Amino acid sequence: VQLQASGGGLVQAGGSLGLSCAASGSFRAVNSMGWYRQAPGNQREAVAIISSSLTTNYADSVEGRFTISRDNAKNTVYLQMNSLKPEDTAVYYCSAIIAATNTNFRHYWGQGTLVTVSS
C-alpha cells in the first residue's frame, strides 16, 4: 500500500493551493483519510481528517480556510487551502487508515510535500 501526494509549492499570503493524495496497492478497505503538517521545530499536527462517511474535522487554525474532501471511488483525498498565511508553511503529509489484503487496519503515511507561504 502506498500513498502518493501531489501539489504544494510556493504561494503568496492570501493565495490558494491544492493538495491531493491517492492510495494505491492491494487493499480491501480505506477508513479515514487526512492531512497533517510539520513546520520546522514543531511537532506534526493534524490539519484535517475525513471519514469514509465524509464526516470532516479541522484544526482550529485552518477552520474556514481549508477544505478536505475525498473521492472514495479513486481512493483519493484532497485538501483545498485558501487564504493561506505564512504560518501555514510546513511539510504536509497525507495519511490513511487502510486494511491491506488479509490484514487489519493500520495507519499509512504518504511522502511529505512542502507548502511555503511568503508574506
Protein backbone atom coordinates (compact mmCIF):
# COMPACT_ATOMS: atom_id res chain seq x y z
CA VAL A 1 0.00 0.00 0.00
CA GLN A 2 1.30 3.42 -0.93
CA LEU A 3 0.04 6.96 -0.57
CA GLN A 4 1.23 9.32 -3.28
CA ALA A 5 0.80 13.01 -2.59
CA SER A 6 0.99 15.82 -5.10
CA GLY A 7 0.56 19.55 -5.08
CA GLY A 8 2.12 22.06 -2.79
CA GLY A 9 4.67 24.68 -3.70
CA LEU A 10 5.22 28.36 -3.12
CA VAL A 11 2.39 30.87 -2.82
CA GLN A 12 1.97 34.38 -1.52
CA ALA A 13 -0.03 35.08 1.60
CA GLY A 14 -3.72 35.18 0.80
CA GLY A 15 -3.32 32.77 -2.07
CA SER A 16 -4.58 29.24 -2.58
CA LEU A 17 -3.09 25.81 -3.14
CA GLY A 18 -4.48 22.34 -3.54
CA LEU A 19 -3.07 19.02 -2.44
CA SER A 20 -4.13 15.54 -3.45
CA CYS A 21 -3.14 12.09 -2.28
CA ALA A 22 -4.06 8.76 -3.83
CA ALA A 23 -3.87 5.35 -2.20
CA SER A 24 -2.64 2.52 -4.37
CA GLY A 25 -1.73 -1.12 -3.96
CA SER A 26 -3.64 -4.12 -2.74
CA PHE A 27 -6.14 -3.35 -0.02
CA ARG A 28 -9.69 -4.20 0.90
CA ALA A 29 -10.87 -1.05 2.66
CA VAL A 30 -9.94 2.56 3.34
CA ASN A 31 -11.19 4.13 6.53
CA SER A 32 -10.41 7.73 7.47
CA MET A 33 -8.03 9.84 5.42
CA GLY A 34 -6.40 13.07 6.35
CA TRP A 35 -3.68 15.65 6.22
CA TYR A 36 -1.06 16.50 8.80
CA ARG A 37 1.69 19.08 8.74
CA GLN A 38 5.01 19.69 10.38
CA ALA A 39 6.73 23.05 10.49
CA PRO A 40 10.43 23.34 11.32
CA GLY A 41 10.98 22.87 15.02
CA ASN A 42 7.38 21.82 15.60
CA GLN A 43 5.66 18.51 16.12
CA ARG A 44 3.49 17.01 13.43
CA GLU A 45 -0.08 18.17 13.84
CA ALA A 46 -3.40 17.11 12.36
CA VAL A 47 -4.83 19.60 9.88
CA ALA A 48 -7.96 17.92 8.58
CA ILE A 49 -9.50 14.46 8.73
CA ILE A 50 -12.33 12.96 6.71
CA SER A 51 -14.05 9.71 7.49
CA SER A 52 -15.25 7.15 4.99
CA SER A 53 -18.74 8.57 5.51
CA LEU A 54 -17.41 12.05 4.69
CA THR A 55 -17.52 13.49 8.20
CA THR A 56 -14.84 16.14 8.48
CA ASN A 57 -12.78 17.61 11.31
CA TYR A 58 -10.42 20.54 11.11
CA ALA A 59 -7.76 22.07 13.27
CA ASP A 60 -8.94 25.37 14.71
CA SER A 61 -6.15 27.18 12.90
CA VAL A 62 -7.45 26.19 9.46
CA GLU A 63 -11.21 26.04 10.05
CA GLY A 64 -12.99 28.10 7.42
CA ARG A 65 -9.93 28.36 5.18
CA PHE A 66 -9.13 24.74 4.30
CA THR A 67 -11.48 22.15 2.85
CA ILE A 68 -10.84 18.44 2.89
CA SER A 69 -12.68 16.11 0.53
CA ARG A 70 -12.29 12.62 -0.85
CA ASP A 71 -13.27 10.51 -3.79
CA ASN A 72 -13.90 7.01 -2.49
CA ALA A 73 -14.01 5.55 -5.99
CA LYS A 74 -10.48 6.83 -6.60
CA ASN A 75 -9.24 6.32 -3.02
CA THR A 76 -8.04 9.89 -3.14
CA VAL A 77 -8.13 12.66 -0.57
CA TYR A 78 -7.85 16.35 -1.36
CA LEU A 79 -7.03 19.47 0.61
CA GLN A 80 -8.00 22.85 -0.78
CA MET A 81 -6.16 25.60 1.07
CA ASN A 82 -7.42 29.16 0.73
CA SER A 83 -6.42 32.42 2.39
CA LEU A 84 -3.04 30.96 3.16
CA LYS A 85 -0.90 32.53 5.86
CA PRO A 86 2.85 32.39 6.41
CA GLU A 87 2.22 30.25 9.48
CA ASP A 88 0.73 27.58 7.20
CA THR A 89 4.23 26.97 5.87
CA ALA A 90 5.10 23.34 6.59
CA VAL A 91 5.64 19.93 5.12
CA TYR A 92 2.21 18.41 4.60
CA TYR A 93 1.68 14.67 4.92
CA CYS A 94 -1.33 12.69 3.84
CA SER A 95 -2.44 9.75 5.90
CA ALA A 96 -4.98 6.98 5.69
CA ILE A 97 -6.23 4.11 7.77
CA ILE A 98 -6.18 1.18 5.38
CA ALA A 99 -6.79 -2.52 5.63
CA ALA A 100 -4.45 -4.21 3.21
CA THR A 101 -5.46 -7.57 1.80
CA ASN A 102 -5.64 -10.18 4.59
CA THR A 103 -4.55 -7.72 7.28
CA ASN A 104 -6.13 -5.44 9.85
CA PHE A 105 -6.40 -1.69 9.53
CA ARG A 106 -3.18 0.25 10.04
CA HIS A 107 -2.03 3.83 9.59
CA TYR A 108 -0.17 4.68 6.39
CA TRP A 109 1.68 7.88 5.55
CA GLY A 110 2.45 9.50 2.25
CA GLN A 111 5.64 11.32 1.46
CA GLY A 112 5.64 14.92 2.58
CA THR A 113 5.02 17.81 0.25
CA LEU A 114 6.30 21.28 1.07
CA VAL A 115 3.96 24.24 1.22
CA THR A 116 5.64 27.61 1.55
CA VAL A 117 3.61 30.76 2.08
CA SER A 118 5.52 34.00 1.61
CA SER A 119 4.50 37.21 3.34
